[in-house]
């Protein structure tokens, strides 16, 4: 398969590139700085995300939005995802999003999100709420073959690659140790599994460690 990873020099994007290449896929890393692409088997497309045009993504089976922003204006999570979605709208290309955990629900009735619960870190609220808005907008689109993949609440960049995970849905799910955690490496496995299997078109899924 031909896979594009936007934000491929970030921690999650880099591991998704590595996982997809290890499985024999042709991967193009979309980055602002080509020097930050560490996998020498990746093709490289150097551009700012907002400068990308629809023709830049023609021919890809899947586009992964691994863009992350930790600056002041968190509304960029809404505008960036909307921009990428517009680029692949009305095409066969799938859009898979490295999402957030804050918008996961903590009840089966889907009335309360994790970011609305007492004790949710205030510093993460701007990011969580804007990523949640971006997901809400994506849900309204019938012109994009999207899949939104939320990690567990504790998304560990330095976590080990166990090679396994538990697939869940809209509700925050705990593992066998009663924790909501997953490593970036295991998340990358889940992302590439979904790229290959295409089981959750126009759905949000979530993943947690075993």
Protein backbone atom coordinates (compact mmCIF):
# COMPACT_ATOMS: atom_id res chain seq x y z
CA UNK A 1 0.00 0.00 0.00
CA UNK A 2 1.00 3.60 -0.51
CA UNK A 3 0.82 5.51 2.76
CA UNK A 4 1.39 9.19 3.47
CA UNK A 5 2.23 10.26 7.01
CA UNK A 6 1.76 13.96 7.70
CA UNK A 7 3.82 15.04 10.70
CA UNK A 8 6.20 12.14 10.17
CA UNK A 9 9.03 13.68 12.18
CA UNK A 10 7.02 13.72 15.41
CA UNK A 11 7.24 10.98 18.01
CA UNK A 12 4.07 9.19 16.91
CA UNK A 13 4.54 9.87 13.21
CA UNK A 14 8.07 8.51 13.20
CA UNK A 15 7.01 5.21 14.73
CA UNK A 16 4.06 4.87 12.36
CA UNK A 17 6.46 5.37 9.44
CA UNK A 18 8.80 2.73 10.86
CA UNK A 19 5.99 0.23 11.48
CA UNK A 20 4.49 0.64 8.01
CA UNK A 21 7.86 0.34 6.27
CA UNK A 22 8.74 -2.74 8.33
CA UNK A 23 5.59 -4.36 6.93
CA UNK A 24 6.59 -3.63 3.36
CA UNK A 25 4.44 -0.60 2.60
CA UNK A 26 5.62 2.35 0.50
CA UNK A 27 5.64 5.30 2.88
CA UNK A 28 6.04 9.00 2.14
CA UNK A 29 6.96 11.19 5.11
CA UNK A 30 5.40 14.65 4.88
CA UNK A 31 7.50 17.03 6.98
CA UNK A 32 8.55 20.66 7.18
CA UNK A 33 12.22 19.65 7.49
CA UNK A 34 13.46 16.67 5.48
CA UNK A 35 16.50 16.35 7.72
CA UNK A 36 14.25 15.17 10.56
CA UNK A 37 13.16 12.01 8.73
CA UNK A 38 15.12 9.20 10.38
CA UNK A 39 13.96 6.19 8.33
CA UNK A 40 16.08 6.12 5.19
CA UNK A 41 13.58 3.85 3.42
CA UNK A 42 10.90 6.53 3.56
CA UNK A 43 10.20 8.81 0.64
CA UNK A 44 10.17 12.46 1.72
CA UNK A 45 7.84 15.33 0.83
CA UNK A 46 8.92 18.64 2.36
CA UNK A 47 6.13 21.15 2.93
CA UNK A 48 4.21 23.05 5.55
CA UNK A 49 0.94 21.27 6.28
CA UNK A 50 -1.19 24.26 5.28
CA UNK A 51 0.62 24.54 1.94
CA UNK A 52 -0.40 21.02 0.89
CA UNK A 53 -2.72 20.74 -2.09
CA UNK A 54 -5.08 17.94 -3.07
CA UNK A 55 -2.80 16.87 -5.92
CA UNK A 56 -0.02 16.21 -3.37
CA UNK A 57 -2.07 13.37 -1.90
CA UNK A 58 -3.30 11.78 -5.11
CA UNK A 59 -2.49 8.07 -5.41
CA UNK A 60 -2.16 7.28 -1.72
CA UNK A 61 -4.27 4.48 -0.28
CA UNK A 62 -4.15 6.08 3.16
CA UNK A 63 -3.10 9.40 4.66
CA UNK A 64 -2.19 9.48 8.35
CA UNK A 65 -2.59 12.80 10.14
CA UNK A 66 0.07 12.62 12.84
CA UNK A 67 0.36 16.39 13.16
CA UNK A 68 0.92 17.57 16.71
CA UNK A 69 1.06 21.11 18.05
CA UNK A 70 1.94 22.15 21.58
CA UNK A 71 1.99 25.94 21.22
CA UNK A 72 -0.43 28.56 22.46
CA UNK A 73 -3.08 28.57 19.73
CA UNK A 74 -4.59 25.10 20.01
CA UNK A 75 -7.31 25.91 17.45
CA UNK A 76 -4.75 24.77 14.88
CA UNK A 77 -5.85 21.21 15.67
CA UNK A 78 -9.26 22.09 14.23
CA UNK A 79 -8.03 23.98 11.18
CA UNK A 80 -5.29 21.49 10.32
CA UNK A 81 -7.55 18.43 10.39
CA UNK A 82 -10.22 20.26 8.41
CA UNK A 83 -7.61 21.22 5.82
CA UNK A 84 -6.34 17.66 5.40
CA UNK A 85 -9.89 16.31 5.24
CA UNK A 86 -10.68 18.76 2.45
CA UNK A 87 -7.66 17.52 0.49
CA UNK A 88 -8.89 13.91 0.42
CA UNK A 89 -12.64 14.61 0.25
CA UNK A 90 -14.54 12.75 -2.47
CA UNK A 91 -11.56 10.47 -3.16
CA UNK A 92 -10.85 6.77 -2.41
CA UNK A 93 -8.00 7.80 -0.09
CA UNK A 94 -8.57 7.01 3.59
CA UNK A 95 -7.75 9.53 6.31
CA UNK A 96 -6.54 8.12 9.63
CA UNK A 97 -6.07 10.52 12.51
CA UNK A 98 -3.72 10.28 15.48
CA UNK A 99 -6.32 11.52 17.93
CA UNK A 100 -6.56 12.43 21.58
CA UNK A 101 -7.93 10.66 24.65
CA UNK A 102 -9.68 13.66 26.20
CA UNK A 103 -12.76 13.23 24.02
CA UNK A 104 -13.25 9.59 25.02
CA UNK A 105 -16.33 8.98 27.13
CA UNK A 106 -16.22 7.66 30.68
CA UNK A 107 -19.76 6.24 30.62
CA UNK A 108 -21.57 3.80 28.36
CA UNK A 109 -24.33 6.37 27.76
CA UNK A 110 -21.73 8.61 26.09
CA UNK A 111 -22.68 11.67 28.10
CA UNK A 112 -19.42 12.60 29.86
CA UNK A 113 -16.01 12.92 28.23
CA UNK A 114 -12.74 12.36 30.02
CA UNK A 115 -11.82 16.05 29.65
CA UNK A 116 -15.03 16.98 31.49
CA UNK A 117 -14.20 14.94 34.57
CA UNK A 118 -12.86 16.28 37.83
CA UNK A 119 -9.10 16.05 38.00
CA UNK A 120 -8.46 16.31 34.28
CA UNK A 121 -5.25 18.39 34.02
CA UNK A 122 -6.16 22.00 33.29
CA UNK A 123 -3.01 22.46 31.20
CA UNK A 124 -4.29 19.88 28.70
CA UNK A 125 -7.81 21.28 28.37
CA UNK A 126 -7.11 23.62 25.40
CA UNK A 127 -5.57 20.78 23.40
CA UNK A 128 -8.20 18.23 24.42
CA UNK A 129 -11.14 20.53 23.70
CA UNK A 130 -9.84 21.59 20.30
CA UNK A 131 -9.01 18.02 19.30
CA UNK A 132 -12.54 17.16 20.41
CA UNK A 133 -13.97 19.91 18.21
CA UNK A 134 -11.94 18.62 15.27
CA UNK A 135 -13.38 15.14 15.81
CA UNK A 136 -16.92 16.55 16.05
CA UNK A 137 -16.46 18.27 12.69
CA UNK A 138 -15.06 15.08 11.17
CA UNK A 139 -18.11 13.12 12.32
CA UNK A 140 -20.30 15.42 10.22
CA UNK A 141 -18.49 14.57 7.00
CA UNK A 142 -19.78 11.94 4.63
CA UNK A 143 -17.28 12.92 1.93
CA UNK A 144 -14.19 11.54 3.71
CA UNK A 145 -13.28 7.90 4.52
CA UNK A 146 -11.95 8.77 7.96
CA UNK A 147 -10.92 6.79 11.03
CA UNK A 148 -10.01 8.53 14.28
CA UNK A 149 -7.70 6.54 16.57
CA UNK A 150 -7.60 7.68 20.20
CA UNK A 151 -4.81 6.46 22.46
CA UNK A 152 -5.27 5.57 26.11
CA UNK A 153 -5.20 8.40 28.66
CA UNK A 154 -1.54 7.75 29.47
CA UNK A 155 0.11 7.89 26.05
CA UNK A 156 3.74 6.98 26.70
CA UNK A 157 6.40 8.10 24.24
CA UNK A 158 9.02 6.10 26.14
CA UNK A 159 6.84 3.01 26.61
CA UNK A 160 8.02 -0.37 25.40
CA UNK A 161 6.78 -2.12 22.27
CA UNK A 162 4.91 -5.17 23.55
CA UNK A 163 3.47 -6.07 20.15
CA UNK A 164 -0.11 -6.27 21.39
CA UNK A 165 -2.99 -4.02 22.41
CA UNK A 166 -6.72 -4.05 23.11
CA UNK A 167 -9.04 -2.42 20.60
CA UNK A 168 -11.96 -0.43 22.01
CA UNK A 169 -14.42 2.21 20.90
CA UNK A 170 -15.82 5.50 22.20
CA UNK A 171 -15.46 4.63 25.89
CA UNK A 172 -12.22 4.94 27.86
CA UNK A 173 -11.11 1.35 28.47
CA UNK A 174 -8.80 0.04 31.19
CA UNK A 175 -6.28 -2.75 30.78
CA UNK A 176 -5.69 -5.82 32.92
CA UNK A 177 -3.86 -3.67 35.50
CA UNK A 178 -6.87 -1.32 35.70
CA UNK A 179 -4.90 1.39 33.88
CA UNK A 180 -5.49 3.41 30.74
CA UNK A 181 -2.07 3.40 29.11
CA UNK A 182 -0.37 2.55 25.82
CA UNK A 183 3.07 3.12 24.36
CA UNK A 184 3.59 5.07 21.15
CA UNK A 185 5.13 1.93 19.65
CA UNK A 186 2.07 -0.24 20.33
CA UNK A 187 -0.19 2.57 19.13
CA UNK A 188 1.75 2.56 15.84
CA UNK A 189 1.02 -1.17 15.49
CA UNK A 190 -2.69 -0.50 15.99
CA UNK A 191 -2.64 2.33 13.45
CA UNK A 192 -1.01 0.23 10.73
CA UNK A 193 -3.34 -2.69 11.53
CA UNK A 194 -6.29 -0.39 10.85
CA UNK A 195 -4.68 0.88 7.64
CA UNK A 196 -4.34 -2.70 6.43
CA UNK A 197 -7.71 -4.01 7.63
CA UNK A 198 -9.98 -0.97 7.10
CA UNK A 199 -12.49 -2.22 9.65
CA UNK A 200 -13.59 1.16 11.04
CA UNK A 201 -14.49 3.58 8.25
CA UNK A 202 -16.06 6.80 9.57
CA UNK A 203 -15.66 5.66 13.15
CA UNK A 204 -13.58 6.56 16.19
CA UNK A 205 -11.71 3.71 17.82
CA UNK A 206 -9.40 3.65 20.81
CA UNK A 207 -6.51 1.45 21.88
CA UNK A 208 -5.09 0.47 25.27
CA UNK A 209 -2.30 -1.86 26.35
CA UNK A 210 -3.13 -5.44 27.33
